[in-house]
Amino acid sequence: MSALADPIDIHVSSHSVLDERLEVAVSQLQGVAMLSKSHGILVTRHGPGHYTASLSDRVPFGMTRELLH
């Protein structure tokens, strides 16, 4: 993981809100990733309605990957 930006926790109760929140989180992280050009974005599903979006050195720059936890 990276210390470039804090992970963004997402808690939702509907799919339409999830899509919106994920889009905002990924957009925010893309801005930070552009500074280093060395990290991609990892979206982790922890359970129903609970996700974390973060920068990760395990994901290539320019990519977004999902992890089911």
C-alpha atoms as a PDB file:
ATOM      1  CA  MET A   1       0.000   0.000   0.000  1.00  0.00           C
ATOM      2  CA  SER A   2       0.974   3.617  -0.248  1.00  0.00           C
ATOM      3  CA  ALA A   3       1.199   6.581   2.097  1.00  0.00           C
ATOM      4  CA  LEU A   4       0.537   8.999  -0.782  1.00  0.00           C
ATOM      5  CA  ALA A   5      -3.143   9.340   0.141  1.00  0.00           C
ATOM      6  CA  ASP A   6      -5.330   8.020   2.923  1.00  0.00           C
ATOM      7  CA  PRO A   7      -7.690   5.192   1.963  1.00  0.00           C
ATOM      8  CA  ILE A   8     -11.254   6.297   1.305  1.00  0.00           C
ATOM      9  CA  ASP A   9     -13.906   4.290   3.198  1.00  0.00           C
ATOM     10  CA  ILE A  10     -17.245   3.905   1.477  1.00  0.00           C
ATOM     11  CA  HIS A  11     -20.373   2.756   3.328  1.00  0.00           C
ATOM     12  CA  VAL A  12     -23.636   2.640   1.364  1.00  0.00           C
ATOM     13  CA  SER A  13     -27.046   1.004   1.446  1.00  0.00           C
ATOM     14  CA  SER A  14     -27.978   1.165  -2.261  1.00  0.00           C
ATOM     15  CA  HIS A  15     -26.247   0.275  -5.509  1.00  0.00           C
ATOM     16  CA  SER A  16     -26.932   3.645  -7.145  1.00  0.00           C
ATOM     17  CA  VAL A  17     -25.210   5.468  -4.275  1.00  0.00           C
ATOM     18  CA  LEU A  18     -22.322   2.982  -4.426  1.00  0.00           C
ATOM     19  CA  ASP A  19     -21.611   3.780  -8.082  1.00  0.00           C
ATOM     20  CA  GLU A  20     -21.596   7.507  -7.338  1.00  0.00           C
ATOM     21  CA  ARG A  21     -19.330   7.214  -4.281  1.00  0.00           C
ATOM     22  CA  LEU A  22     -16.902   4.877  -6.051  1.00  0.00           C
ATOM     23  CA  GLU A  23     -16.674   7.255  -8.999  1.00  0.00           C
ATOM     24  CA  VAL A  24     -15.877  10.193  -6.702  1.00  0.00           C
ATOM     25  CA  ALA A  25     -13.290   8.195  -4.713  1.00  0.00           C
ATOM     26  CA  VAL A  26     -11.522   6.887  -7.831  1.00  0.00           C
ATOM     27  CA  SER A  27     -11.473  10.380  -9.338  1.00  0.00           C
ATOM     28  CA  GLN A  28      -9.870  11.809  -6.182  1.00  0.00           C
ATOM     29  CA  LEU A  29      -7.250   9.063  -6.112  1.00  0.00           C
ATOM     30  CA  GLN A  30      -6.485   9.467  -9.817  1.00  0.00           C
ATOM     31  CA  GLY A  31      -5.477  13.061  -9.143  1.00  0.00           C
ATOM     32  CA  VAL A  32      -3.009  11.953  -6.466  1.00  0.00           C
ATOM     33  CA  ALA A  33      -1.736   9.035  -8.587  1.00  0.00           C
ATOM     34  CA  MET A  34      -0.894  11.432 -11.421  1.00  0.00           C
ATOM     35  CA  LEU A  35       1.693  13.095  -9.155  1.00  0.00           C
ATOM     36  CA  SER A  36       3.794   9.959  -8.645  1.00  0.00           C
ATOM     37  CA  LYS A  37       2.819   7.910 -11.721  1.00  0.00           C
ATOM     38  CA  SER A  38       3.795   4.825  -9.738  1.00  0.00           C
ATOM     39  CA  HIS A  39       0.568   3.603  -8.115  1.00  0.00           C
ATOM     40  CA  GLY A  40      -2.739   2.287  -9.338  1.00  0.00           C
ATOM     41  CA  ILE A  41      -6.057   2.209  -7.524  1.00  0.00           C
ATOM     42  CA  LEU A  42      -7.307  -0.744  -5.512  1.00  0.00           C
ATOM     43  CA  VAL A  43     -10.983  -0.985  -4.571  1.00  0.00           C
ATOM     44  CA  THR A  44     -11.574  -3.570  -1.840  1.00  0.00           C
ATOM     45  CA  ARG A  45     -15.012  -4.952  -1.014  1.00  0.00           C
ATOM     46  CA  HIS A  46     -15.113  -5.833   2.678  1.00  0.00           C
ATOM     47  CA  GLY A  47     -18.775  -6.816   2.770  1.00  0.00           C
ATOM     48  CA  PRO A  48     -22.183  -5.676   1.569  1.00  0.00           C
ATOM     49  CA  GLY A  49     -22.091  -1.902   1.232  1.00  0.00           C
ATOM     50  CA  HIS A  50     -18.564  -1.525   2.667  1.00  0.00           C
ATOM     51  CA  TYR A  51     -15.665  -0.700   0.345  1.00  0.00           C
ATOM     52  CA  THR A  52     -12.255   0.944   0.574  1.00  0.00           C
ATOM     53  CA  ALA A  53     -10.555   2.741  -2.317  1.00  0.00           C
ATOM     54  CA  SER A  54      -6.815   3.326  -2.013  1.00  0.00           C
ATOM     55  CA  LEU A  55      -3.615   3.820  -3.962  1.00  0.00           C
ATOM     56  CA  SER A  56      -1.551   0.659  -4.240  1.00  0.00           C
ATOM     57  CA  ASP A  57       1.924  -0.109  -5.496  1.00  0.00           C
ATOM     58  CA  ARG A  58       0.570  -3.612  -6.276  1.00  0.00           C
ATOM     59  CA  VAL A  59      -1.602  -2.140  -9.033  1.00  0.00           C
ATOM     60  CA  PRO A  60       0.133  -0.696 -12.103  1.00  0.00           C
ATOM     61  CA  PHE A  61      -0.193   3.055 -12.653  1.00  0.00           C
ATOM     62  CA  GLY A  62      -3.223   3.832 -14.791  1.00  0.00           C
ATOM     63  CA  MET A  63      -5.153   0.747 -13.656  1.00  0.00           C
ATOM     64  CA  THR A  64      -7.983   0.232 -11.179  1.00  0.00           C
ATOM     65  CA  ARG A  65      -8.518  -3.237  -9.719  1.00  0.00           C
ATOM     66  CA  GLU A  66     -11.126  -4.708  -7.400  1.00  0.00           C
ATOM     67  CA  LEU A  67     -10.376  -7.073  -4.539  1.00  0.00           C
ATOM     68  CA  LEU A  68     -13.099  -9.086  -2.831  1.00  0.00           C
ATOM     69  CA  HIS A  69     -12.081  -9.505   0.775  1.00  0.00           C
END
